Amino acid sequence: MGKYFVKRAVSTIPVLLLVALFSFAIVSIYPGNFYTSYKLALALRMDVDGRQEVLEQYEAILALRGLDKPWLVQFYYWLEGMVVRGSLGFSFATGTPVTQEILGPQSGLWWTLIIVGSSVLIGALVGIPMGILGAAYYRSPLDVCMYSATYAVAATPPFVAALLFFVIYNFLNPNDLLVPGAWGLVTPAQTYAPMSMAKFFDYIKHLSLTWLIVGAPVAVMIARYLRASLLEILPQKYITTAKSKGLFSIVVLIKHALRNALHPIVSMSGFLLTATMTNSIIATTVLAQPSFGRQLLHSVQTQDQAMITAILLIYGVLLVAGTLLSDLLLAVLDPRIRYD
């Protein structure tokens, strides 16, 4: 088991290098850079001679930043700085180190990790019982109702769910109109208040909507896959044998069938993480909550290449880490896996 873990972890190193290469290449190949708008703004104010001077200044800035070199050369120096010094470069917009911008207290990375992690956990806590009940009471009224509800949730995009919340809220509270972008993490009165139980529950209240929007698709996906997997496993002979020994059906379902039925859920957790992170960007943007995705969108608008590359890299690393974790969990869950 330990050998498999080490082997699987080492195999992610080439994947991480490819993620870094693609993250840097996508940003570098895109036309223009952070200083393009600066050059155009100055050139429009100058005469013909002045424009030549602006062009020379622009080329000098590119040389100072190293943007005049081929992107593969830029990638080499960027990768060397990241591996040797742990540096992701400097933000073109603020001039501060990218690591400080990303890992600092004002970054949305930590809130993104909290929202994604808690949404997956809540989705699993809701989706697994739904899948078990759907398989145990197959084609019963309970199963039909739950299965129909999963269709409705799966067919509702996250931003539509967020907008529906504002419509319902304004309908129920006509004297307290709320518009998209005004929900936030806490009520305005608690923004600068010290941490207390009231402020803590205010955080929970505002995050509950995010968990509903981001976690509901997770619960639906887990419930549907688990239900289908259990329905394939329950007719098998070892399940029939366990029942013939006098074990209760719920014991057979949870102890014998559920362990094998969880394999598809664990295998798809990497894709599940991708979908959850995408939904969290949409939800937090509509709800005006701190998010790493909003930081990415702002960097794209300003063409802050160093920030965009670093954010794409971190998203890629998180997805690779999620896939690695799912593979390791599957190896623990399924003893039939062999590592040659």
C-alpha atoms as a PDB file:
ATOM      1  CA  MET A   1       0.000   0.000   0.000  1.00  0.00           C
ATOM      2  CA  GLY A   2       2.764   2.422   0.929  1.00  0.00           C
ATOM      3  CA  LYS A   3       4.600   1.673  -2.312  1.00  0.00           C
ATOM      4  CA  TYR A   4       1.466   2.459  -4.296  1.00  0.00           C
ATOM      5  CA  PHE A   5       0.990   5.745  -2.460  1.00  0.00           C
ATOM      6  CA  VAL A   6       4.565   6.820  -3.207  1.00  0.00           C
ATOM      7  CA  LYS A   7       4.327   5.689  -6.824  1.00  0.00           C
ATOM      8  CA  ARG A   8       1.048   7.509  -7.339  1.00  0.00           C
ATOM      9  CA  ALA A   9       2.345  10.696  -5.713  1.00  0.00           C
ATOM     10  CA  VAL A  10       5.525  10.689  -7.841  1.00  0.00           C
ATOM     11  CA  SER A  11       3.459  10.185 -11.007  1.00  0.00           C
ATOM     12  CA  THR A  12       1.764  13.533 -10.399  1.00  0.00           C
ATOM     13  CA  ILE A  13       5.042  15.467 -10.811  1.00  0.00           C
ATOM     14  CA  PRO A  14       4.983  15.369 -14.666  1.00  0.00           C
ATOM     15  CA  VAL A  15       1.295  16.315 -14.539  1.00  0.00           C
ATOM     16  CA  LEU A  16       2.086  19.333 -12.364  1.00  0.00           C
ATOM     17  CA  LEU A  17       4.828  20.380 -14.799  1.00  0.00           C
ATOM     18  CA  LEU A  18       2.349  20.177 -17.674  1.00  0.00           C
ATOM     19  CA  VAL A  19      -0.171  22.206 -15.663  1.00  0.00           C
ATOM     20  CA  ALA A  20       2.483  24.872 -15.067  1.00  0.00           C
ATOM     21  CA  LEU A  21       3.469  24.860 -18.749  1.00  0.00           C
ATOM     22  CA  PHE A  22      -0.106  25.173 -20.025  1.00  0.00           C
ATOM     23  CA  SER A  23      -0.969  27.844 -17.439  1.00  0.00           C
ATOM     24  CA  PHE A  24       1.995  29.949 -18.533  1.00  0.00           C
ATOM     25  CA  ALA A  25       1.519  29.277 -22.259  1.00  0.00           C
ATOM     26  CA  ILE A  26      -2.177  30.242 -22.309  1.00  0.00           C
ATOM     27  CA  VAL A  27      -1.443  33.597 -20.692  1.00  0.00           C
ATOM     28  CA  SER A  28       1.701  34.314 -22.738  1.00  0.00           C
ATOM     29  CA  ILE A  29       0.212  33.468 -26.135  1.00  0.00           C
ATOM     30  CA  TYR A  30      -2.843  35.657 -25.544  1.00  0.00           C
ATOM     31  CA  PRO A  31      -2.474  38.914 -27.565  1.00  0.00           C
ATOM     32  CA  GLY A  32      -1.319  41.980 -25.646  1.00  0.00           C
ATOM     33  CA  ASN A  33      -0.125  42.367 -22.084  1.00  0.00           C
ATOM     34  CA  PHE A  34      -0.585  44.556 -19.010  1.00  0.00           C
ATOM     35  CA  TYR A  35       1.213  47.492 -20.651  1.00  0.00           C
ATOM     36  CA  THR A  36      -0.657  47.424 -23.985  1.00  0.00           C
ATOM     37  CA  SER A  37      -3.438  49.752 -22.812  1.00  0.00           C
ATOM     38  CA  TYR A  38      -0.798  52.047 -21.266  1.00  0.00           C
ATOM     39  CA  LYS A  39       1.023  52.285 -24.601  1.00  0.00           C
ATOM     40  CA  LEU A  40      -2.172  53.024 -26.520  1.00  0.00           C
ATOM     41  CA  ALA A  41      -3.293  55.689 -24.064  1.00  0.00           C
ATOM     42  CA  LEU A  42       0.018  57.524 -24.302  1.00  0.00           C
ATOM     43  CA  ALA A  43       0.280  57.177 -28.065  1.00  0.00           C
ATOM     44  CA  LEU A  44      -3.124  58.779 -28.600  1.00  0.00           C
ATOM     45  CA  ARG A  45      -1.943  61.911 -26.793  1.00  0.00           C
ATOM     46  CA  MET A  46       1.263  62.323 -28.772  1.00  0.00           C
ATOM     47  CA  ASP A  47       2.219  63.524 -32.213  1.00  0.00           C
ATOM     48  CA  VAL A  48       4.119  61.300 -34.630  1.00  0.00           C
ATOM     49  CA  ASP A  49       7.519  61.932 -33.006  1.00  0.00           C
ATOM     50  CA  GLY A  50       6.042  61.472 -29.551  1.00  0.00           C
ATOM     51  CA  ARG A  51       4.565  58.134 -30.536  1.00  0.00           C
ATOM     52  CA  GLN A  52       7.995  56.864 -31.497  1.00  0.00           C
ATOM     53  CA  GLU A  53       9.251  57.875 -28.060  1.00  0.00           C
ATOM     54  CA  VAL A  54       6.316  56.083 -26.414  1.00  0.00           C
ATOM     55  CA  LEU A  55       7.083  52.965 -28.436  1.00  0.00           C
ATOM     56  CA  GLU A  56      10.695  53.044 -27.252  1.00  0.00           C
ATOM     57  CA  GLN A  57       9.543  53.467 -23.650  1.00  0.00           C
ATOM     58  CA  TYR A  58       7.131  50.583 -24.091  1.00  0.00           C
ATOM     59  CA  GLU A  59       9.873  48.302 -25.426  1.00  0.00           C
ATOM     60  CA  ALA A  60      12.130  49.345 -22.542  1.00  0.00           C
ATOM     61  CA  ILE A  61       9.412  48.372 -20.050  1.00  0.00           C
ATOM     62  CA  LEU A  62       8.971  45.004 -21.750  1.00  0.00           C
ATOM     63  CA  ALA A  63      12.727  44.418 -21.564  1.00  0.00           C
ATOM     64  CA  LEU A  64      12.732  45.382 -17.878  1.00  0.00           C
ATOM     65  CA  ARG A  65       9.943  42.917 -17.143  1.00  0.00           C
ATOM     66  CA  GLY A  66      11.461  40.240 -19.391  1.00  0.00           C
ATOM     67  CA  LEU A  67       8.427  40.246 -21.679  1.00  0.00           C
ATOM     68  CA  ASP A  68      10.550  40.837 -24.774  1.00  0.00           C
ATOM     69  CA  LYS A  69      11.909  37.275 -24.651  1.00  0.00           C
ATOM     70  CA  PRO A  70      10.230  34.199 -26.210  1.00  0.00           C
ATOM     71  CA  TRP A  71       7.592  32.732 -23.914  1.00  0.00           C
ATOM     72  CA  LEU A  72       9.521  29.488 -23.470  1.00  0.00           C
ATOM     73  CA  VAL A  73      12.476  31.473 -22.108  1.00  0.00           C
ATOM     74  CA  GLN A  74      10.103  33.395 -19.840  1.00  0.00           C
ATOM     75  CA  PHE A  75       8.638  30.087 -18.668  1.00  0.00           C
ATOM     76  CA  TYR A  76      12.077  28.744 -17.825  1.00  0.00           C
ATOM     77  CA  TYR A  77      12.944  31.740 -15.629  1.00  0.00           C
ATOM     78  CA  TRP A  78       9.488  31.694 -14.032  1.00  0.00           C
ATOM     79  CA  LEU A  79       9.744  27.959 -13.259  1.00  0.00           C
ATOM     80  CA  GLU A  80      13.269  28.395 -11.919  1.00  0.00           C
ATOM     81  CA  GLY A  81      12.109  31.188  -9.589  1.00  0.00           C
ATOM     82  CA  MET A  82       9.177  29.089  -8.387  1.00  0.00           C
ATOM     83  CA  VAL A  83      11.245  25.946  -7.718  1.00  0.00           C
ATOM     84  CA  VAL A  84      14.432  27.562  -6.360  1.00  0.00           C
ATOM     85  CA  ARG A  85      13.075  30.600  -4.506  1.00  0.00           C
ATOM     86  CA  GLY A  86       9.381  29.780  -4.117  1.00  0.00           C
ATOM     87  CA  SER A  87       8.501  32.966  -6.007  1.00  0.00           C
ATOM     88  CA  LEU A  88       5.667  33.322  -8.512  1.00  0.00           C
ATOM     89  CA  GLY A  89       6.837  36.732  -9.672  1.00  0.00           C
ATOM     90  CA  PHE A  90       5.432  40.187  -9.043  1.00  0.00           C
ATOM     91  CA  SER A  91       1.989  41.531  -9.862  1.00  0.00           C
ATOM     92  CA  PHE A  92       2.117  44.028 -12.730  1.00  0.00           C
ATOM     93  CA  ALA A  93      -0.815  45.964 -11.282  1.00  0.00           C
ATOM     94  CA  THR A  94       0.401  46.402  -7.683  1.00  0.00           C
ATOM     95  CA  GLY A  95       4.110  45.584  -7.834  1.00  0.00           C
ATOM     96  CA  THR A  96       3.811  43.273  -4.816  1.00  0.00           C
ATOM     97  CA  PRO A  97       4.856  39.590  -4.816  1.00  0.00           C
ATOM     98  CA  VAL A  98       2.203  37.328  -6.273  1.00  0.00           C
ATOM     99  CA  THR A  99       2.501  34.892  -3.354  1.00  0.00           C
ATOM    100  CA  GLN A 100       1.673  37.746  -0.978  1.00  0.00           C
ATOM    101  CA  GLU A 101      -1.348  38.726  -3.084  1.00  0.00           C
ATOM    102  CA  ILE A 102      -2.624  35.149  -3.297  1.00  0.00           C
ATOM    103  CA  LEU A 103      -1.849  33.884   0.204  1.00  0.00           C
ATOM    104  CA  GLY A 104      -2.484  37.150   2.035  1.00  0.00           C
ATOM    105  CA  PRO A 105      -5.467  37.724   4.346  1.00  0.00           C
ATOM    106  CA  GLN A 106      -7.261  39.791   1.677  1.00  0.00           C
ATOM    107  CA  SER A 107      -7.069  36.985  -0.886  1.00  0.00           C
ATOM    108  CA  GLY A 108     -10.192  34.992  -1.678  1.00  0.00           C
ATOM    109  CA  LEU A 109      -8.251  31.703  -1.779  1.00  0.00           C
ATOM    110  CA  TRP A 110      -9.040  30.741   1.805  1.00  0.00           C
ATOM    111  CA  TRP A 111     -12.733  31.515   1.446  1.00  0.00           C
ATOM    112  CA  THR A 112     -12.809  29.529  -1.801  1.00  0.00           C
ATOM    113  CA  LEU A 113     -11.255  26.510  -0.057  1.00  0.00           C
ATOM    114  CA  ILE A 114     -13.702  26.849   2.844  1.00  0.00           C
ATOM    115  CA  ILE A 115     -16.713  27.124   0.530  1.00  0.00           C
ATOM    116  CA  VAL A 116     -15.648  24.280  -1.763  1.00  0.00           C
ATOM    117  CA  GLY A 117     -14.621  21.946   1.084  1.00  0.00           C
ATOM    118  CA  SER A 118     -17.732  22.550   3.176  1.00  0.00           C
ATOM    119  CA  SER A 119     -20.009  22.312   0.122  1.00  0.00           C
ATOM    120  CA  VAL A 120     -18.567  18.924  -0.836  1.00  0.00           C
ATOM    121  CA  LEU A 121     -18.902  17.720   2.771  1.00  0.00           C
ATOM    122  CA  ILE A 122     -22.509  18.900   3.059  1.00  0.00           C
ATOM    123  CA  GLY A 123     -23.296  17.481  -0.389  1.00  0.00           C
ATOM    124  CA  ALA A 124     -21.933  14.094   0.661  1.00  0.00           C
ATOM    125  CA  LEU A 125     -23.846  14.136   3.972  1.00  0.00           C
ATOM    126  CA  VAL A 126     -27.073  14.796   2.062  1.00  0.00           C
ATOM    127  CA  GLY A 127     -26.417  12.847  -1.135  1.00  0.00           C
ATOM    128  CA  ILE A 128     -25.308   9.519   0.399  1.00  0.00           C
ATOM    129  CA  PRO A 129     -28.500   9.021   2.482  1.00  0.00           C
ATOM    130  CA  MET A 130     -30.580  10.063  -0.528  1.00  0.00           C
ATOM    131  CA  GLY A 131     -28.848   7.496  -2.722  1.00  0.00           C
ATOM    132  CA  ILE A 132     -29.264   4.761  -0.112  1.00  0.00           C
ATOM    133  CA  LEU A 133     -32.961   5.529   0.404  1.00  0.00           C
ATOM    134  CA  GLY A 134     -33.545   5.706  -3.340  1.00  0.00           C
ATOM    135  CA  ALA A 135     -32.068   2.224  -3.809  1.00  0.00           C
ATOM    136  CA  ALA A 136     -33.705   0.721  -0.714  1.00  0.00           C
ATOM    137  CA  TYR A 137     -37.168   2.000  -1.679  1.00  0.00           C
ATOM    138  CA  TYR A 138     -36.760   1.692  -5.437  1.00  0.00           C
ATOM    139  CA  ARG A 139     -39.804   2.952  -7.397  1.00  0.00           C
ATOM    140  CA  SER A 140     -41.655   3.827  -4.215  1.00  0.00           C
ATOM    141  CA  PRO A 141     -43.281   7.282  -3.831  1.00  0.00           C
ATOM    142  CA  LEU A 142     -40.263   8.389  -1.762  1.00  0.00           C
ATOM    143  CA  ASP A 143     -37.854   7.341  -4.521  1.00  0.00           C
ATOM    144  CA  VAL A 144     -39.946   9.007  -7.228  1.00  0.00           C
ATOM    145  CA  CYS A 145     -40.130  12.284  -5.288  1.00  0.00           C
ATOM    146  CA  MET A 146     -36.394  12.363  -4.551  1.00  0.00           C
ATOM    147  CA  TYR A 147     -35.451  11.397  -8.098  1.00  0.00           C
ATOM    148  CA  SER A 148     -37.727  14.106  -9.523  1.00  0.00           C
ATOM    149  CA  ALA A 149     -36.181  16.659  -7.145  1.00  0.00           C
ATOM    150  CA  THR A 150     -32.691  15.753  -8.358  1.00  0.00           C
ATOM    151  CA  TYR A 151     -33.791  16.455 -11.949  1.00  0.00           C
ATOM    152  CA  ALA A 152     -35.028  19.907 -10.933  1.00  0.00           C
ATOM    153  CA  VAL A 153     -31.811  20.762  -9.076  1.00  0.00           C
ATOM    154  CA  ALA A 154     -29.574  19.407 -11.831  1.00  0.00           C
ATOM    155  CA  ALA A 155     -31.430  21.452 -14.451  1.00  0.00           C
ATOM    156  CA  THR A 156     -31.059  24.748 -12.523  1.00  0.00           C
ATOM    157  CA  PRO A 157     -27.787  26.618 -13.194  1.00  0.00           C
ATOM    158  CA  PRO A 158     -26.126  28.090 -10.060  1.00  0.00           C
ATOM    159  CA  PHE A 159     -26.579  31.703 -11.128  1.00  0.00           C
ATOM    160  CA  VAL A 160     -30.291  31.095 -11.787  1.00  0.00           C
ATOM    161  CA  ALA A 161     -30.650  29.595  -8.307  1.00  0.00           C
ATOM    162  CA  ALA A 162     -28.962  32.681  -6.826  1.00  0.00           C
ATOM    163  CA  LEU A 163     -31.237  35.045  -8.769  1.00  0.00           C
ATOM    164  CA  LEU A 164     -34.302  33.048  -7.698  1.00  0.00           C
ATOM    165  CA  PHE A 165     -33.259  33.607  -4.100  1.00  0.00           C
ATOM    166  CA  PHE A 166     -33.276  37.387  -4.603  1.00  0.00           C
ATOM    167  CA  VAL A 167     -36.695  37.214  -6.298  1.00  0.00           C
ATOM    168  CA  ILE A 168     -38.192  35.186  -3.432  1.00  0.00           C
ATOM    169  CA  TYR A 169     -36.480  37.320  -0.770  1.00  0.00           C
ATOM    170  CA  ASN A 170     -37.803  40.568  -2.269  1.00  0.00           C
ATOM    171  CA  PHE A 171     -41.278  39.064  -2.617  1.00  0.00           C
ATOM    172  CA  LEU A 172     -41.336  38.087   1.071  1.00  0.00           C
ATOM    173  CA  ASN A 173     -39.646  41.324   2.218  1.00  0.00           C
ATOM    174  CA  PRO A 174     -41.051  44.158   0.050  1.00  0.00           C
ATOM    175  CA  ASN A 175     -39.775  46.809   2.490  1.00  0.00           C
ATOM    176  CA  ASP A 176     -36.214  45.469   2.481  1.00  0.00           C
ATOM    177  CA  LEU A 177     -35.240  45.133  -1.171  1.00  0.00           C
ATOM    178  CA  LEU A 178     -32.102  43.135  -1.880  1.00  0.00           C
ATOM    179  CA  VAL A 179     -30.234  43.208  -5.194  1.00  0.00           C
ATOM    180  CA  PRO A 180     -27.576  40.834  -6.559  1.00  0.00           C
ATOM    181  CA  GLY A 181     -24.158  41.817  -5.301  1.00  0.00           C
ATOM    182  CA  ALA A 182     -25.450  43.015  -1.922  1.00  0.00           C
ATOM    183  CA  TRP A 183     -25.614  39.735   0.052  1.00  0.00           C
ATOM    184  CA  GLY A 184     -21.999  39.422   1.195  1.00  0.00           C
ATOM    185  CA  LEU A 185     -20.694  37.395   4.145  1.00  0.00           C
ATOM    186  CA  VAL A 186     -22.336  39.384   6.942  1.00  0.00           C
ATOM    187  CA  THR A 187     -24.944  42.100   7.315  1.00  0.00           C
ATOM    188  CA  PRO A 188     -23.582  45.668   7.024  1.00  0.00           C
ATOM    189  CA  ALA A 189     -24.049  46.246  10.763  1.00  0.00           C
ATOM    190  CA  GLN A 190     -21.708  43.331  11.559  1.00  0.00           C
ATOM    191  CA  THR A 191     -19.009  44.149   9.001  1.00  0.00           C
ATOM    192  CA  TYR A 192     -16.578  45.891  11.381  1.00  0.00           C
ATOM    193  CA  ALA A 193     -17.885  44.401  14.625  1.00  0.00           C
ATOM    194  CA  PRO A 194     -15.561  42.129  16.636  1.00  0.00           C
ATOM    195  CA  MET A 195     -16.127  38.403  16.375  1.00  0.00           C
ATOM    196  CA  SER A 196     -18.986  37.225  18.572  1.00  0.00           C
ATOM    197  CA  MET A 197     -21.633  34.525  18.550  1.00  0.00           C
ATOM    198  CA  ALA A 198     -24.010  36.899  16.775  1.00  0.00           C
ATOM    199  CA  LYS A 199     -21.477  37.591  14.048  1.00  0.00           C
ATOM    200  CA  PHE A 200     -20.588  33.873  13.796  1.00  0.00           C
ATOM    201  CA  PHE A 201     -24.222  32.908  13.195  1.00  0.00           C
ATOM    202  CA  ASP A 202     -24.484  35.796  10.739  1.00  0.00           C
ATOM    203  CA  TYR A 203     -21.619  34.189   8.787  1.00  0.00           C
ATOM    204  CA  ILE A 204     -23.453  30.861   8.888  1.00  0.00           C
ATOM    205  CA  LYS A 205     -26.667  32.505   7.684  1.00  0.00           C
ATOM    206  CA  HIS A 206     -24.978  34.090   4.657  1.00  0.00           C
ATOM    207  CA  LEU A 207     -22.871  31.025   3.847  1.00  0.00           C
ATOM    208  CA  SER A 208     -25.931  28.766   4.040  1.00  0.00           C
ATOM    209  CA  LEU A 209     -27.168  30.221   0.760  1.00  0.00           C
ATOM    210  CA  THR A 210     -23.777  29.573  -0.832  1.00  0.00           C
ATOM    211  CA  TRP A 211     -23.795  26.017   0.474  1.00  0.00           C
ATOM    212  CA  LEU A 212     -27.261  25.531  -0.960  1.00  0.00           C
ATOM    213  CA  ILE A 213     -26.259  26.810  -4.400  1.00  0.00           C
ATOM    214  CA  VAL A 214     -22.861  25.091  -4.549  1.00  0.00           C
ATOM    215  CA  GLY A 215     -23.591  22.002  -2.454  1.00  0.00           C
ATOM    216  CA  ALA A 216     -26.969  21.047  -3.964  1.00  0.00           C
ATOM    217  CA  PRO A 217     -25.477  19.925  -7.333  1.00  0.00           C
ATOM    218  CA  VAL A 218     -22.907  17.875  -5.384  1.00  0.00           C
ATOM    219  CA  ALA A 219     -25.642  16.157  -3.378  1.00  0.00           C
ATOM    220  CA  VAL A 220     -27.635  15.473  -6.548  1.00  0.00           C
ATOM    221  CA  MET A 221     -24.662  13.987  -8.375  1.00  0.00           C
ATOM    222  CA  ILE A 222     -23.703  11.764  -5.442  1.00  0.00           C
ATOM    223  CA  ALA A 223     -27.297  10.622  -4.876  1.00  0.00           C
ATOM    224  CA  ARG A 224     -27.890   9.704  -8.521  1.00  0.00           C
ATOM    225  CA  TYR A 225     -24.591   7.842  -8.987  1.00  0.00           C
ATOM    226  CA  LEU A 226     -24.892   6.031  -5.650  1.00  0.00           C
ATOM    227  CA  ARG A 227     -28.487   4.985  -6.339  1.00  0.00           C
ATOM    228  CA  ALA A 228     -27.560   3.595  -9.755  1.00  0.00           C
ATOM    229  CA  SER A 229     -24.506   1.807  -8.347  1.00  0.00           C
ATOM    230  CA  LEU A 230     -26.497   0.224  -5.497  1.00  0.00           C
ATOM    231  CA  LEU A 231     -29.195  -0.969  -7.891  1.00  0.00           C
ATOM    232  CA  GLU A 232     -26.507  -2.845  -9.843  1.00  0.00           C
ATOM    233  CA  ILE A 233     -24.963  -4.392  -6.714  1.00  0.00           C
ATOM    234  CA  LEU A 234     -28.070  -5.403  -4.732  1.00  0.00           C
ATOM    235  CA  PRO A 235     -29.119  -8.268  -7.114  1.00  0.00           C
ATOM    236  CA  GLN A 236     -25.652  -9.878  -6.937  1.00  0.00           C
ATOM    237  CA  LYS A 237     -25.182 -13.293  -5.301  1.00  0.00           C
ATOM    238  CA  TYR A 238     -23.078 -12.238  -2.310  1.00  0.00           C
ATOM    239  CA  ILE A 239     -25.837  -9.823  -1.281  1.00  0.00           C
ATOM    240  CA  THR A 240     -28.414 -12.618  -1.593  1.00  0.00           C
ATOM    241  CA  THR A 241     -26.165 -14.884   0.505  1.00  0.00           C
ATOM    242  CA  ALA A 242     -25.836 -12.257   3.217  1.00  0.00           C
ATOM    243  CA  LYS A 243     -29.609 -11.853   3.353  1.00  0.00           C
ATOM    244  CA  SER A 244     -30.135 -15.643   3.496  1.00  0.00           C
ATOM    245  CA  LYS A 245     -27.989 -15.742   6.665  1.00  0.00           C
ATOM    246  CA  GLY A 246     -30.641 -13.710   8.430  1.00  0.00           C
ATOM    247  CA  LEU A 247     -29.013 -10.288   8.351  1.00  0.00           C
ATOM    248  CA  PHE A 248     -31.291  -7.278   8.306  1.00  0.00           C
ATOM    249  CA  SER A 249     -31.668  -5.672   4.889  1.00  0.00           C
ATOM    250  CA  ILE A 250     -30.365  -2.304   6.134  1.00  0.00           C
ATOM    251  CA  VAL A 251     -27.247  -4.033   7.555  1.00  0.00           C
ATOM    252  CA  VAL A 252     -26.617  -5.793   4.248  1.00  0.00           C
ATOM    253  CA  LEU A 253     -27.166  -2.549   2.358  1.00  0.00           C
ATOM    254  CA  ILE A 254     -24.794  -0.445   4.433  1.00  0.00           C
ATOM    255  CA  LYS A 255     -22.139  -2.992   5.442  1.00  0.00           C
ATOM    256  CA  HIS A 256     -21.849  -5.077   2.266  1.00  0.00           C
ATOM    257  CA  ALA A 257     -23.309  -3.150  -0.672  1.00  0.00           C
ATOM    258  CA  LEU A 258     -22.410   0.436   0.184  1.00  0.00           C
ATOM    259  CA  ARG A 259     -18.647  -0.127   0.286  1.00  0.00           C
ATOM    260  CA  ASN A 260     -18.562  -1.370  -3.307  1.00  0.00           C
ATOM    261  CA  ALA A 261     -21.155   1.155  -4.430  1.00  0.00           C
ATOM    262  CA  LEU A 262     -18.964   4.045  -3.264  1.00  0.00           C
ATOM    263  CA  HIS A 263     -16.253   3.226  -5.831  1.00  0.00           C
ATOM    264  CA  PRO A 264     -17.795   5.312  -8.662  1.00  0.00           C
ATOM    265  CA  ILE A 265     -18.357   8.223  -6.255  1.00  0.00           C
ATOM    266  CA  VAL A 266     -14.734   8.197  -5.130  1.00  0.00           C
ATOM    267  CA  SER A 267     -13.492   7.810  -8.718  1.00  0.00           C
ATOM    268  CA  MET A 268     -15.463  10.822  -9.933  1.00  0.00           C
ATOM    269  CA  SER A 269     -14.483  13.059  -7.006  1.00  0.00           C
ATOM    270  CA  GLY A 270     -11.865  14.815  -9.156  1.00  0.00           C
ATOM    271  CA  PHE A 271     -14.552  15.859 -11.647  1.00  0.00           C
ATOM    272  CA  LEU A 272     -16.830  16.704  -8.723  1.00  0.00           C
ATOM    273  CA  LEU A 273     -14.191  19.053  -7.341  1.00  0.00           C
ATOM    274  CA  THR A 274     -13.871  20.777 -10.732  1.00  0.00           C
ATOM    275  CA  ALA A 275     -17.628  21.348 -10.985  1.00  0.00           C
ATOM    276  CA  THR A 276     -17.809  22.576  -7.383  1.00  0.00           C
ATOM    277  CA  MET A 277     -15.013  25.105  -7.874  1.00  0.00           C
ATOM    278  CA  THR A 278     -16.691  26.411 -11.034  1.00  0.00           C
ATOM    279  CA  ASN A 279     -20.042  26.740  -9.274  1.00  0.00           C
ATOM    280  CA  SER A 280     -18.391  28.513  -6.329  1.00  0.00           C
ATOM    281  CA  ILE A 281     -16.993  31.181  -8.674  1.00  0.00           C
ATOM    282  CA  ILE A 282     -20.449  31.858 -10.117  1.00  0.00           C
ATOM    283  CA  ALA A 283     -22.223  31.804  -6.751  1.00  0.00           C
ATOM    284  CA  THR A 284     -19.752  34.039  -4.916  1.00  0.00           C
ATOM    285  CA  THR A 285     -19.749  36.533  -7.798  1.00  0.00           C
ATOM    286  CA  VAL A 286     -23.543  36.910  -7.720  1.00  0.00           C
ATOM    287  CA  LEU A 287     -23.607  36.956  -3.904  1.00  0.00           C
ATOM    288  CA  ALA A 288     -20.676  39.412  -3.573  1.00  0.00           C
ATOM    289  CA  GLN A 289     -18.592  37.090  -1.403  1.00  0.00           C
ATOM    290  CA  PRO A 290     -14.788  36.826  -1.417  1.00  0.00           C
ATOM    291  CA  SER A 291     -13.603  34.297  -3.958  1.00  0.00           C
ATOM    292  CA  PHE A 292     -10.451  33.295  -5.756  1.00  0.00           C
ATOM    293  CA  GLY A 293     -12.452  33.280  -8.975  1.00  0.00           C
ATOM    294  CA  ARG A 294     -13.299  36.966  -8.611  1.00  0.00           C
ATOM    295  CA  GLN A 295      -9.583  37.665  -8.209  1.00  0.00           C
ATOM    296  CA  LEU A 296      -8.963  35.732 -11.425  1.00  0.00           C
ATOM    297  CA  LEU A 297     -11.627  37.704 -13.323  1.00  0.00           C
ATOM    298  CA  HIS A 298     -10.147  41.019 -12.147  1.00  0.00           C
ATOM    299  CA  SER A 299      -6.662  39.896 -13.204  1.00  0.00           C
ATOM    300  CA  VAL A 300      -7.968  38.873 -16.630  1.00  0.00           C
ATOM    301  CA  GLN A 301      -9.616  42.267 -17.106  1.00  0.00           C
ATOM    302  CA  THR A 302      -6.346  44.070 -16.320  1.00  0.00           C
ATOM    303  CA  GLN A 303      -4.198  41.450 -18.116  1.00  0.00           C
ATOM    304  CA  ASP A 304      -2.021  41.041 -15.031  1.00  0.00           C
ATOM    305  CA  GLN A 305      -0.128  38.094 -16.493  1.00  0.00           C
ATOM    306  CA  ALA A 306       1.779  37.085 -13.375  1.00  0.00           C
ATOM    307  CA  MET A 307      -1.407  36.932 -11.294  1.00  0.00           C
ATOM    308  CA  ILE A 308      -3.394  35.062 -13.954  1.00  0.00           C
ATOM    309  CA  THR A 309      -0.670  32.458 -14.364  1.00  0.00           C
ATOM    310  CA  ALA A 310      -0.343  31.922 -10.617  1.00  0.00           C
ATOM    311  CA  ILE A 311      -4.104  31.582 -10.112  1.00  0.00           C
ATOM    312  CA  LEU A 312      -4.450  29.114 -12.998  1.00  0.00           C
ATOM    313  CA  LEU A 313      -1.540  27.153 -11.569  1.00  0.00           C
ATOM    314  CA  ILE A 314      -3.129  26.966  -8.122  1.00  0.00           C
ATOM    315  CA  TYR A 315      -6.450  25.850  -9.595  1.00  0.00           C
ATOM    316  CA  GLY A 316      -4.594  23.146 -11.531  1.00  0.00           C
ATOM    317  CA  VAL A 317      -2.664  22.017  -8.443  1.00  0.00           C
ATOM    318  CA  LEU A 318      -5.888  21.797  -6.434  1.00  0.00           C
ATOM    319  CA  LEU A 319      -7.531  19.664  -9.120  1.00  0.00           C
ATOM    320  CA  VAL A 320      -4.505  17.359  -9.386  1.00  0.00           C
ATOM    321  CA  ALA A 321      -4.422  17.052  -5.588  1.00  0.00           C
ATOM    322  CA  GLY A 322      -8.139  16.214  -5.541  1.00  0.00           C
ATOM    323  CA  THR A 323      -7.670  13.523  -8.189  1.00  0.00           C
ATOM    324  CA  LEU A 324      -4.676  12.086  -6.305  1.00  0.00           C
ATOM    325  CA  LEU A 325      -6.680  11.993  -3.085  1.00  0.00           C
ATOM    326  CA  SER A 326      -9.553  10.194  -4.825  1.00  0.00           C
ATOM    327  CA  ASP A 327      -7.156   7.558  -6.199  1.00  0.00           C
ATOM    328  CA  LEU A 328      -5.631   6.997  -2.768  1.00  0.00           C
ATOM    329  CA  LEU A 329      -9.053   6.721  -1.141  1.00  0.00           C
ATOM    330  CA  LEU A 330     -10.114   4.241  -3.808  1.00  0.00           C
ATOM    331  CA  ALA A 331      -7.024   2.129  -3.064  1.00  0.00           C
ATOM    332  CA  VAL A 332      -7.924   2.097   0.636  1.00  0.00           C
ATOM    333  CA  LEU A 333     -11.564   1.341  -0.109  1.00  0.00           C
ATOM    334  CA  ASP A 334     -10.961  -1.439  -2.641  1.00  0.00           C
ATOM    335  CA  PRO A 335      -8.435  -4.143  -1.608  1.00  0.00           C
ATOM    336  CA  ARG A 336      -8.668  -5.694  -5.082  1.00  0.00           C
ATOM    337  CA  ILE A 337      -6.385  -2.959  -6.439  1.00  0.00           C
ATOM    338  CA  ARG A 338      -2.903  -4.346  -6.997  1.00  0.00           C
ATOM    339  CA  TYR A 339       0.243  -2.295  -7.459  1.00  0.00           C
ATOM    340  CA  ASP A 340       2.879  -3.997  -9.595  1.00  0.00           C
END
